[in-house]
Protein backbone atom coordinates (compact mmCIF):
# COMPACT_ATOMS: atom_id res chain seq x y z
CA MET A 1 -10.01 -188.19 -190.69
CA GLU A 2 -10.79 -184.70 -192.01
CA PRO A 3 -11.95 -182.21 -189.35
CA ASP A 4 -15.33 -181.66 -191.01
CA LYS A 5 -15.96 -185.41 -191.08
CA VAL A 6 -15.02 -185.68 -187.38
CA ILE A 7 -17.40 -182.87 -186.47
CA THR A 8 -20.19 -184.31 -188.63
CA ASP A 9 -19.65 -187.75 -187.08
CA ILE A 10 -19.92 -186.34 -183.57
CA ALA A 11 -23.03 -184.36 -184.49
CA GLU A 12 -24.63 -187.53 -185.90
CA ARG A 13 -23.67 -189.48 -182.78
CA LEU A 14 -25.22 -186.74 -180.66
CA ASP A 15 -28.43 -186.84 -182.72
CA THR A 16 -28.59 -190.62 -182.30
CA TRP A 17 -27.93 -190.19 -178.59
CA CYS A 18 -30.87 -187.76 -178.28
CA LYS A 19 -33.20 -190.32 -179.85
CA GLU A 20 -31.90 -193.07 -177.55
CA TYR A 21 -32.30 -190.88 -174.49
CA GLN A 22 -35.86 -189.95 -175.46
CA ALA A 23 -36.67 -193.64 -175.84
CA THR A 24 -35.26 -194.43 -172.38
CA LEU A 25 -37.28 -191.58 -170.87
CA GLU A 26 -40.46 -192.90 -172.45
CA ALA A 27 -39.67 -196.43 -171.24
CA GLY A 28 -38.94 -195.20 -167.71
CA ASN A 29 -35.81 -197.37 -167.48
CA LEU A 30 -33.54 -195.59 -165.00
CA VAL A 31 -30.55 -197.89 -165.58
CA ALA A 32 -30.72 -197.36 -169.35
CA GLN A 33 -31.11 -193.61 -168.79
CA ALA A 34 -27.93 -193.51 -166.70
CA LYS A 35 -25.97 -195.36 -169.38
CA VAL A 36 -27.25 -193.10 -172.15
CA LEU A 37 -26.47 -190.00 -170.07
CA GLN A 38 -22.89 -191.21 -169.60
CA ARG A 39 -22.48 -191.68 -173.36
CA GLY A 40 -23.94 -188.22 -173.98
CA ALA A 41 -21.46 -186.65 -171.58
CA GLU A 42 -18.59 -188.35 -173.41
CA ILE A 43 -19.82 -187.08 -176.79
CA ALA A 44 -20.26 -183.53 -175.47
CA LYS A 45 -16.76 -183.64 -173.94
CA GLU A 46 -15.33 -184.76 -177.27
CA LEU A 47 -17.07 -181.90 -179.10
CA GLU A 48 -15.72 -179.42 -176.53
CA ARG A 49 -12.21 -180.76 -177.20
CA ILE A 50 -12.73 -180.37 -180.95
CA LYS A 51 -14.06 -176.84 -180.40
CA ALA A 52 -10.90 -175.91 -178.49
CA GLU A 53 -8.64 -177.53 -181.09
CA GLY A 54 -10.53 -175.92 -183.98
CA LEU A 55 -10.36 -172.48 -182.43
CA ALA A 56 -6.65 -172.92 -181.74
CA ALA A 57 -6.02 -174.02 -185.34
CA MET A 58 -7.95 -171.06 -186.72
CA THR A 59 -6.07 -168.64 -184.47
CA ALA A 60 -2.72 -170.19 -185.37
CA THR A 61 -3.51 -169.86 -189.07
CA LEU A 62 -4.36 -166.19 -188.59
CA VAL A 63 -1.23 -165.25 -186.65
CA ARG A 64 1.30 -167.38 -188.49
CA GLN A 65 3.80 -165.21 -190.37
CA ASP A 66 6.15 -167.71 -192.03
CA TRP A 67 4.08 -168.71 -195.06
CA ARG A 68 6.15 -169.54 -198.13
CA SER A 69 3.73 -167.66 -200.35
CA GLY A 70 0.52 -165.68 -200.37
CA VAL A 71 -1.14 -168.60 -202.13
CA GLU A 72 -0.16 -170.97 -199.31
CA ARG A 73 -1.51 -168.54 -196.69
CA SER A 74 -4.71 -168.02 -198.67
CA GLU A 75 -5.29 -171.78 -199.01
CA ASN A 76 -4.78 -172.28 -195.28
CA LEU A 77 -7.09 -169.41 -194.40
CA ILE A 78 -9.76 -170.91 -196.65
CA ARG A 79 -9.37 -174.31 -194.94
CA ALA A 80 -9.65 -172.60 -191.55
CA LEU A 81 -12.82 -170.85 -192.69
CA VAL A 82 -14.36 -174.15 -193.82
CA LEU A 83 -13.47 -175.72 -190.47
CA GLY A 84 -14.96 -172.74 -188.67
CA SER A 85 -18.18 -172.86 -190.63
CA ILE A 86 -18.74 -176.56 -189.97
CA LEU A 87 -17.71 -176.29 -186.33
CA SER A 88 -19.84 -173.21 -185.62
CA ASP A 89 -22.87 -174.91 -187.18
CA ALA A 90 -22.32 -178.06 -185.10
CA LEU A 91 -21.96 -176.02 -181.92
CA SER A 92 -25.12 -174.06 -182.63
CA ASP A 93 -27.29 -176.81 -184.07
CA THR A 94 -26.24 -179.73 -181.90
CA LEU A 95 -25.13 -178.31 -178.56
CA MET A 96 -26.93 -174.96 -178.73
CA ASP A 97 -23.59 -173.45 -177.70
CA THR A 98 -24.25 -169.87 -178.76
CA GLU A 99 -21.11 -168.52 -177.11
CA GLY A 100 -18.91 -171.10 -178.85
CA HIS A 101 -20.67 -170.45 -182.15
CA ASN A 102 -20.15 -166.69 -181.81
CA THR A 103 -16.48 -167.13 -180.90
CA ILE A 104 -15.89 -169.23 -184.01
CA VAL A 105 -17.80 -166.76 -186.22
CA THR A 106 -15.63 -163.93 -184.87
CA GLN A 107 -12.57 -165.91 -185.97
CA MET A 108 -14.17 -166.50 -189.38
CA ASN A 109 -14.68 -162.74 -189.75
CA ALA A 110 -11.01 -162.19 -188.89
CA ILE A 111 -10.03 -164.75 -191.53
CA VAL A 112 -12.04 -162.90 -194.17
CA ASP A 113 -10.48 -159.61 -193.05
CA ALA A 114 -7.05 -161.22 -193.47
CA LEU A 115 -7.98 -162.40 -196.97
CA ASP A 116 -9.16 -158.89 -197.85
CA ALA A 117 -5.85 -157.45 -196.64
CA MET A 118 -3.74 -159.88 -198.66
CA ALA A 119 -4.17 -158.92 -202.27
CA ALA A 120 -6.45 -157.69 -205.00
CA GLY A 121 -9.70 -159.58 -204.91
CA GLY A 122 -9.30 -160.55 -201.25
CA ARG A 123 -12.32 -162.57 -200.26
CA LEU A 124 -13.06 -163.49 -203.88
CA VAL A 125 -10.84 -166.54 -203.24
CA LEU A 126 -13.90 -167.88 -201.40
CA ILE A 127 -15.86 -168.31 -204.66
CA PRO A 128 -15.07 -172.06 -204.93
CA LEU A 129 -16.74 -172.53 -201.52
CA LEU A 130 -20.06 -171.64 -203.12
CA ASP A 131 -19.95 -175.17 -204.57
CA HIS A 132 -18.87 -176.89 -201.32
CA PRO A 133 -20.89 -180.02 -200.46
CA ASN A 134 -21.71 -178.64 -196.99
CA ALA A 135 -24.70 -176.25 -197.04
CA GLY A 136 -23.34 -174.30 -194.08
CA VAL A 137 -20.06 -173.64 -195.88
CA ARG A 138 -21.96 -172.51 -199.00
CA ALA A 139 -24.11 -170.18 -196.89
CA ALA A 140 -21.12 -168.72 -195.05
CA ALA A 141 -19.22 -168.13 -198.29
CA GLY A 142 -22.34 -166.54 -199.76
CA ALA A 143 -22.70 -164.25 -196.76
CA TYR A 144 -19.13 -163.03 -197.25
CA LEU A 145 -19.49 -162.65 -201.03
CA ILE A 146 -23.02 -161.34 -201.54
CA THR A 147 -22.07 -157.67 -201.90
CA LEU A 148 -19.38 -158.50 -204.46
CA ILE A 149 -21.16 -161.01 -206.69
CA PRO A 150 -24.87 -160.98 -205.83
CA ASP A 151 -25.99 -162.56 -209.11
CA ARG A 152 -23.86 -165.63 -208.36
CA VAL A 153 -24.59 -165.75 -204.61
CA LEU A 154 -28.35 -165.12 -204.36
CA PRO A 155 -29.43 -168.36 -206.10
CA ILE A 156 -27.11 -170.34 -203.83
CA LEU A 157 -28.46 -168.68 -200.70
CA ARG A 158 -32.03 -169.34 -201.85
CA GLN A 159 -31.19 -172.99 -202.54
CA VAL A 160 -29.73 -173.36 -199.03
CA GLU A 161 -32.82 -171.72 -197.54
CA GLU A 162 -35.07 -174.17 -199.41
CA SER A 163 -33.05 -177.32 -198.68
CA GLU A 164 -32.15 -176.66 -195.04
CA HIS A 165 -34.69 -176.07 -192.30
CA ALA A 166 -34.31 -174.58 -188.83
CA ASN A 167 -30.54 -174.95 -188.72
CA SER A 168 -27.54 -172.67 -188.93
CA ALA A 169 -27.08 -173.08 -192.68
CA HIS A 170 -30.68 -171.99 -193.26
CA TYR A 171 -30.43 -168.99 -190.94
CA THR A 172 -27.07 -167.86 -192.34
CA ALA A 173 -28.44 -167.99 -195.88
CA TYR A 174 -31.68 -166.26 -194.93
CA TRP A 175 -30.08 -163.42 -192.97
CA ALA A 176 -27.31 -162.81 -195.51
CA ARG A 177 -29.91 -162.47 -198.26
CA ARG A 178 -32.28 -160.43 -196.09
CA ARG A 179 -29.56 -158.04 -194.91
CA TRP A 180 -28.48 -157.52 -198.54
CA GLU A 181 -32.08 -156.73 -199.50
CA LEU A 182 -32.58 -154.34 -196.59
CA ASP A 183 -29.31 -152.53 -197.33
CA GLY A 184 -30.76 -151.60 -200.68
CA LYS A 185 -28.86 -154.13 -202.76
């Protein structure tokens, strides 16, 4: 299964778990609460494992030196950025793991720096991510591209702001657009 699908699946299971736990609290059933808490701990442990594996994969992609070509390295860096975007959003939105989110975002910034150092255009290879099905990936790509192609990025960031509410994708889109406006465009 693709990493983004695994992360999304766990996030959905965690959302379902929250609803189940709330129902057991309202019912006052201590036995059911204990069972639901055990399942929640297993889901959280699985997401922690995925966080560690995702961070390791992103780091390995950054430090690897034996790429056959610049195109191969660029493609792998882009995949690592997509993974990071989805993982950081899940950590923030589902587990409220700010430290984990920030660690992943730091790696994403390093990936973009590596793309910039590679060749002419650098981060412009992220343009296809503006059409990614995941709103968080679109917002992250927009945040990295806004100063280079604002006419293309601003409508995408506005669309993410309008379609997403009170989650990482929304905040990333909002703050990228707002920072661009405050910096004087």
